[in-house]
PDB file of all heavy atoms in Angstrom:
ATOM      1  N   SER A   1       0.849  -1.254   0.026  1.00  0.00           N
ATOM      2  CA  SER A   1      -0.001   0.031   0.080  1.00  0.00           C
ATOM      3  C   SER A   1       0.889   1.236   0.010  1.00  0.00           C
ATOM      4  O   SER A   1       1.944   1.129   0.555  1.00  0.00           O
ATOM      5  CB  SER A   1      -0.941  -0.025   1.210  1.00  0.00           C
ATOM      6  OG  SER A   1      -1.459   1.241   1.475  1.00  0.00           O
ATOM      7  N   SER A   2       0.365   2.349  -0.565  1.00  0.00           N
ATOM      8  CA  SER A   2       1.071   3.599  -0.536  1.00  0.00           C
ATOM      9  C   SER A   2       0.540   4.488   0.555  1.00  0.00           C
ATOM     10  O   SER A   2       0.197   5.553   0.493  1.00  0.00           O
ATOM     11  CB  SER A   2       1.090   4.305  -1.799  1.00  0.00           C
ATOM     12  OG  SER A   2      -0.346   4.516  -2.148  1.00  0.00           O
ATOM     13  N   ALA A   3       0.314   3.980   1.709  1.00  0.00           N
ATOM     14  CA  ALA A   3      -0.328   4.611   2.833  1.00  0.00           C
ATOM     15  C   ALA A   3       0.506   5.771   3.434  1.00  0.00           C
ATOM     16  O   ALA A   3      -0.073   6.682   3.849  1.00  0.00           O
ATOM     17  CB  ALA A   3      -0.520   3.643   4.112  1.00  0.00           C
ATOM     18  N   SER A   4       1.718   5.704   3.173  1.00  0.00           N
ATOM     19  CA  SER A   4       2.600   6.846   3.596  1.00  0.00           C
ATOM     20  C   SER A   4       2.909   7.729   2.514  1.00  0.00           C
ATOM     21  O   SER A   4       3.090   7.331   1.342  1.00  0.00           O
ATOM     22  CB  SER A   4       3.954   6.356   4.230  1.00  0.00           C
ATOM     23  OG  SER A   4       3.685   5.426   5.269  1.00  0.00           O
ATOM     24  N   PRO A   5       3.050   9.008   2.760  1.00  0.00           N
ATOM     25  CA  PRO A   5       3.410   9.951   1.580  1.00  0.00           C
ATOM     26  C   PRO A   5       4.759   9.697   1.095  1.00  0.00           C
ATOM     27  O   PRO A   5       5.694   9.498   1.929  1.00  0.00           O
ATOM     28  CB  PRO A   5       3.103  11.378   2.358  1.00  0.00           C
ATOM     29  CG  PRO A   5       3.505  11.088   3.806  1.00  0.00           C
ATOM     30  CD  PRO A   5       2.880   9.698   4.042  1.00  0.00           C
ATOM     31  N   VAL A   6       5.010  10.002  -0.133  1.00  0.00           N
ATOM     32  CA  VAL A   6       6.297   9.922  -0.705  1.00  0.00           C
ATOM     33  C   VAL A   6       7.003  11.160  -0.343  1.00  0.00           C
ATOM     34  O   VAL A   6       6.501  12.242  -0.418  1.00  0.00           O
ATOM     35  CB  VAL A   6       6.200   9.811  -2.248  1.00  0.00           C
ATOM     36  CG1 VAL A   6       7.589   9.801  -2.823  1.00  0.00           C
ATOM     37  CG2 VAL A   6       5.545   8.412  -2.675  1.00  0.00           C
ATOM     38  N   SER A   7       8.257  11.086   0.065  1.00  0.00           N
ATOM     39  CA  SER A   7       9.101  12.083   0.342  1.00  0.00           C
ATOM     40  C   SER A   7      10.552  12.012  -0.342  1.00  0.00           C
ATOM     41  O   SER A   7      10.969  10.881  -0.608  1.00  0.00           O
ATOM     42  CB  SER A   7       9.474  12.253   1.960  1.00  0.00           C
ATOM     43  OG  SER A   7      10.359  13.088   2.178  1.00  0.00           O
ATOM     44  N   ASP A   8      11.108  13.106  -0.690  1.00  0.00           N
ATOM     45  CA  ASP A   8      12.491  13.134  -1.256  1.00  0.00           C
ATOM     46  C   ASP A   8      13.541  13.049  -0.143  1.00  0.00           C
ATOM     47  O   ASP A   8      14.764  13.026  -0.462  1.00  0.00           O
ATOM     48  CB  ASP A   8      12.656  14.310  -2.200  1.00  0.00           C
ATOM     49  CG  ASP A   8      11.772  14.145  -3.443  1.00  0.00           C
ATOM     50  OD1 ASP A   8      11.660  13.092  -3.824  1.00  0.00           O
ATOM     51  OD2 ASP A   8      11.434  15.297  -3.955  1.00  0.00           O
ATOM     52  N   ASP A   9      13.139  13.192   1.074  1.00  0.00           N
ATOM     53  CA  ASP A   9      14.084  13.140   2.167  1.00  0.00           C
ATOM     54  C   ASP A   9      14.739  11.796   2.376  1.00  0.00           C
ATOM     55  O   ASP A   9      13.959  10.764   2.656  1.00  0.00           O
ATOM     56  CB  ASP A   9      13.395  13.650   3.505  1.00  0.00           C
ATOM     57  CG  ASP A   9      14.286  13.625   4.688  1.00  0.00           C
ATOM     58  OD1 ASP A   9      15.609  13.459   4.450  1.00  0.00           O
ATOM     59  OD2 ASP A   9      13.820  13.985   5.814  1.00  0.00           O
ATOM     60  N   THR A  10      16.097  11.546   2.215  1.00  0.00           N
ATOM     61  CA  THR A  10      16.594  10.326   2.297  1.00  0.00           C
ATOM     62  C   THR A  10      16.410   9.701   3.646  1.00  0.00           C
ATOM     63  O   THR A  10      16.442   8.466   3.701  1.00  0.00           O
ATOM     64  CB  THR A  10      18.129  10.493   1.918  1.00  0.00           C
ATOM     65  OG1 THR A  10      18.781  11.316   2.801  1.00  0.00           O
ATOM     66  CG2 THR A  10      18.377  10.861   0.487  1.00  0.00           C
ATOM     67  N   SER A  11      16.278  10.537   4.699  1.00  0.00           N
ATOM     68  CA  SER A  11      16.021   9.872   6.027  1.00  0.00           C
ATOM     69  C   SER A  11      14.756   9.208   6.134  1.00  0.00           C
ATOM     70  O   SER A  11      14.569   8.236   6.924  1.00  0.00           O
ATOM     71  CB  SER A  11      16.095  10.973   7.093  1.00  0.00           C
ATOM     72  OG  SER A  11      14.971  11.772   6.964  1.00  0.00           O
ATOM     73  N   ALA A  12      13.846   9.401   5.155  1.00  0.00           N
ATOM     74  CA  ALA A  12      12.541   8.679   5.189  1.00  0.00           C
ATOM     75  C   ALA A  12      12.792   7.233   5.001  1.00  0.00           C
ATOM     76  O   ALA A  12      11.917   6.453   5.303  1.00  0.00           O
ATOM     77  CB  ALA A  12      11.590   9.302   4.159  1.00  0.00           C
ATOM     78  N   THR A  13      13.830   6.878   4.189  1.00  0.00           N
ATOM     79  CA  THR A  13      13.953   5.484   3.896  1.00  0.00           C
ATOM     80  C   THR A  13      14.424   4.633   5.110  1.00  0.00           C
ATOM     81  O   THR A  13      14.417   3.551   5.078  1.00  0.00           O
ATOM     82  CB  THR A  13      15.044   5.394   2.828  1.00  0.00           C
ATOM     83  OG1 THR A  13      16.272   6.002   3.182  1.00  0.00           O
ATOM     84  CG2 THR A  13      14.552   5.967   1.430  1.00  0.00           C
ATOM     85  N   THR A  14      15.025   5.320   6.162  1.00  0.00           N
ATOM     86  CA  THR A  14      15.392   4.649   7.204  1.00  0.00           C
ATOM     87  C   THR A  14      14.276   4.707   8.409  1.00  0.00           C
ATOM     88  O   THR A  14      14.305   3.814   9.242  1.00  0.00           O
ATOM     89  CB  THR A  14      16.649   5.272   7.874  1.00  0.00           C
ATOM     90  OG1 THR A  14      16.437   6.695   8.244  1.00  0.00           O
ATOM     91  CG2 THR A  14      17.854   5.185   6.940  1.00  0.00           C
ATOM     92  N   ASP A  15      13.471   5.785   8.405  1.00  0.00           N
ATOM     93  CA  ASP A  15      12.542   5.915   9.548  1.00  0.00           C
ATOM     94  C   ASP A  15      11.099   5.641   9.105  1.00  0.00           C
ATOM     95  O   ASP A  15      10.288   5.390  10.127  1.00  0.00           O
ATOM     96  CB  ASP A  15      12.657   7.402  10.106  1.00  0.00           C
ATOM     97  CG  ASP A  15      14.049   7.813  10.457  1.00  0.00           C
ATOM     98  OD1 ASP A  15      14.688   6.837  11.024  1.00  0.00           O
ATOM     99  OD2 ASP A  15      14.482   8.844  10.446  1.00  0.00           O
ATOM    100  N   ALA A  16      10.809   5.775   7.968  1.00  0.00           N
ATOM    101  CA  ALA A  16       9.303   5.572   7.539  1.00  0.00           C
ATOM    102  C   ALA A  16       9.140   4.624   6.473  1.00  0.00           C
ATOM    103  O   ALA A  16       8.853   5.001   5.302  1.00  0.00           O
ATOM    104  CB  ALA A  16       8.785   7.009   7.133  1.00  0.00           C
ATOM    105  N   ILE A  17       9.315   3.410   6.736  1.00  0.00           N
ATOM    106  CA  ILE A  17       9.106   2.297   5.723  1.00  0.00           C
ATOM    107  C   ILE A  17       7.652   2.126   5.438  1.00  0.00           C
ATOM    108  O   ILE A  17       6.870   2.128   6.225  1.00  0.00           O
ATOM    109  CB  ILE A  17       9.721   1.049   6.192  1.00  0.00           C
ATOM    110  CG1 ILE A  17      11.184   1.215   6.529  1.00  0.00           C
ATOM    111  CG2 ILE A  17       9.575  -0.095   5.236  1.00  0.00           C
ATOM    112  CD1 ILE A  17      11.867   0.053   7.276  1.00  0.00           C
ATOM    113  N   TYR A  18       7.378   2.053   4.262  1.00  0.00           N
ATOM    114  CA  TYR A  18       5.920   1.761   3.748  1.00  0.00           C
ATOM    115  C   TYR A  18       5.390   0.461   4.454  1.00  0.00           C
ATOM    116  O   TYR A  18       6.158  -0.592   4.459  1.00  0.00           O
ATOM    117  CB  TYR A  18       5.875   1.622   2.213  1.00  0.00           C
ATOM    118  CG  TYR A  18       5.703   2.832   1.601  1.00  0.00           C
ATOM    119  CD1 TYR A  18       6.733   3.736   1.390  1.00  0.00           C
ATOM    120  CD2 TYR A  18       4.509   3.151   1.059  1.00  0.00           C
ATOM    121  CE1 TYR A  18       6.473   4.900   0.797  1.00  0.00           C
ATOM    122  CE2 TYR A  18       4.370   4.325   0.376  1.00  0.00           C
ATOM    123  CZ  TYR A  18       5.309   5.249   0.241  1.00  0.00           C
ATOM    124  OH  TYR A  18       5.151   6.522  -0.394  1.00  0.00           O
ATOM    125  N   PRO A  19       4.251   0.473   4.989  1.00  0.00           N
ATOM    126  CA  PRO A  19       3.666  -0.728   5.695  1.00  0.00           C
ATOM    127  C   PRO A  19       3.249  -1.653   4.541  1.00  0.00           C
ATOM    128  O   PRO A  19       3.024  -1.256   3.507  1.00  0.00           O
ATOM    129  CB  PRO A  19       2.451  -0.024   6.371  1.00  0.00           C
ATOM    130  CG  PRO A  19       2.136   1.027   5.640  1.00  0.00           C
ATOM    131  CD  PRO A  19       3.342   1.791   5.116  1.00  0.00           C
ATOM    132  N   HIS A  20       3.355  -2.979   4.867  1.00  0.00           N
ATOM    133  CA  HIS A  20       2.891  -3.969   4.188  1.00  0.00           C
ATOM    134  C   HIS A  20       1.456  -4.206   4.248  1.00  0.00           C
ATOM    135  O   HIS A  20       0.983  -4.564   5.397  1.00  0.00           O
ATOM    136  CB  HIS A  20       3.625  -5.383   4.420  1.00  0.00           C
ATOM    137  CG  HIS A  20       5.094  -5.291   4.123  1.00  0.00           C
ATOM    138  ND1 HIS A  20       5.804  -6.456   3.762  1.00  0.00           N
ATOM    139  CD2 HIS A  20       6.074  -4.379   3.882  1.00  0.00           C
ATOM    140  CE1 HIS A  20       7.081  -6.195   3.465  1.00  0.00           C
ATOM    141  NE2 HIS A  20       7.152  -4.846   3.564  1.00  0.00           N
ATOM    142  N   SER A  21       0.734  -4.027   3.188  1.00  0.00           N
ATOM    143  CA  SER A  21      -0.725  -4.302   3.252  1.00  0.00           C
ATOM    144  C   SER A  21      -1.005  -5.050   1.923  1.00  0.00           C
ATOM    145  O   SER A  21      -0.142  -5.134   1.104  1.00  0.00           O
ATOM    146  CB  SER A  21      -1.576  -3.114   3.478  1.00  0.00           C
ATOM    147  OG  SER A  21      -1.408  -2.174   2.433  1.00  0.00           O
ATOM    148  N   PHE A  22      -2.291  -5.364   1.817  1.00  0.00           N
ATOM    149  CA  PHE A  22      -2.633  -6.284   0.604  1.00  0.00           C
ATOM    150  C   PHE A  22      -3.728  -5.782  -0.087  1.00  0.00           C
ATOM    151  O   PHE A  22      -4.580  -4.960   0.371  1.00  0.00           O
ATOM    152  CB  PHE A  22      -2.880  -7.681   1.146  1.00  0.00           C
ATOM    153  CG  PHE A  22      -1.930  -8.139   2.170  1.00  0.00           C
ATOM    154  CD1 PHE A  22      -2.151  -7.995   3.499  1.00  0.00           C
ATOM    155  CD2 PHE A  22      -0.700  -8.718   1.769  1.00  0.00           C
ATOM    156  CE1 PHE A  22      -1.088  -8.534   4.454  1.00  0.00           C
ATOM    157  CE2 PHE A  22       0.283  -9.146   2.600  1.00  0.00           C
ATOM    158  CZ  PHE A  22      -0.062  -9.095   4.036  1.00  0.00           C
ATOM    159  N   ASN A  23      -3.870  -6.250  -1.310  1.00  0.00           N
ATOM    160  CA  ASN A  23      -5.045  -5.926  -2.043  1.00  0.00           C
ATOM    161  C   ASN A  23      -5.347  -7.280  -2.902  1.00  0.00           C
ATOM    162  O   ASN A  23      -4.624  -8.248  -2.771  1.00  0.00           O
ATOM    163  CB  ASN A  23      -4.957  -4.662  -3.011  1.00  0.00           C
ATOM    164  CG  ASN A  23      -4.010  -5.006  -4.172  1.00  0.00           C
ATOM    165  OD1 ASN A  23      -3.315  -5.990  -4.246  1.00  0.00           O
ATOM    166  ND2 ASN A  23      -3.869  -4.009  -5.032  1.00  0.00           N
ATOM    167  N   SER A  24      -6.534  -7.266  -3.602  1.00  0.00           N
ATOM    168  CA  SER A  24      -6.900  -8.371  -4.401  1.00  0.00           C
ATOM    169  C   SER A  24      -6.050  -8.494  -5.666  1.00  0.00           C
ATOM    170  O   SER A  24      -5.713  -7.424  -6.306  1.00  0.00           O
ATOM    171  CB  SER A  24      -8.335  -8.226  -4.682  1.00  0.00           C
ATOM    172  OG  SER A  24      -8.792  -9.221  -5.645  1.00  0.00           O
ATOM    173  N   ALA A  25      -5.785  -9.731  -6.037  1.00  0.00           N
ATOM    174  CA  ALA A  25      -5.020  -9.862  -7.236  1.00  0.00           C
ATOM    175  C   ALA A  25      -5.856  -9.364  -8.516  1.00  0.00           C
ATOM    176  O   ALA A  25      -5.276  -9.092  -9.550  1.00  0.00           O
ATOM    177  CB  ALA A  25      -4.760 -11.367  -7.495  1.00  0.00           C
TER     178      ALA A  25
END
């Protein structure tokens, strides 16, 4: 899921990992 906003801040890749969620195939 893209539940978290996209950021260009490189620190976001260490602190705000996108949650794993699911959808239908």
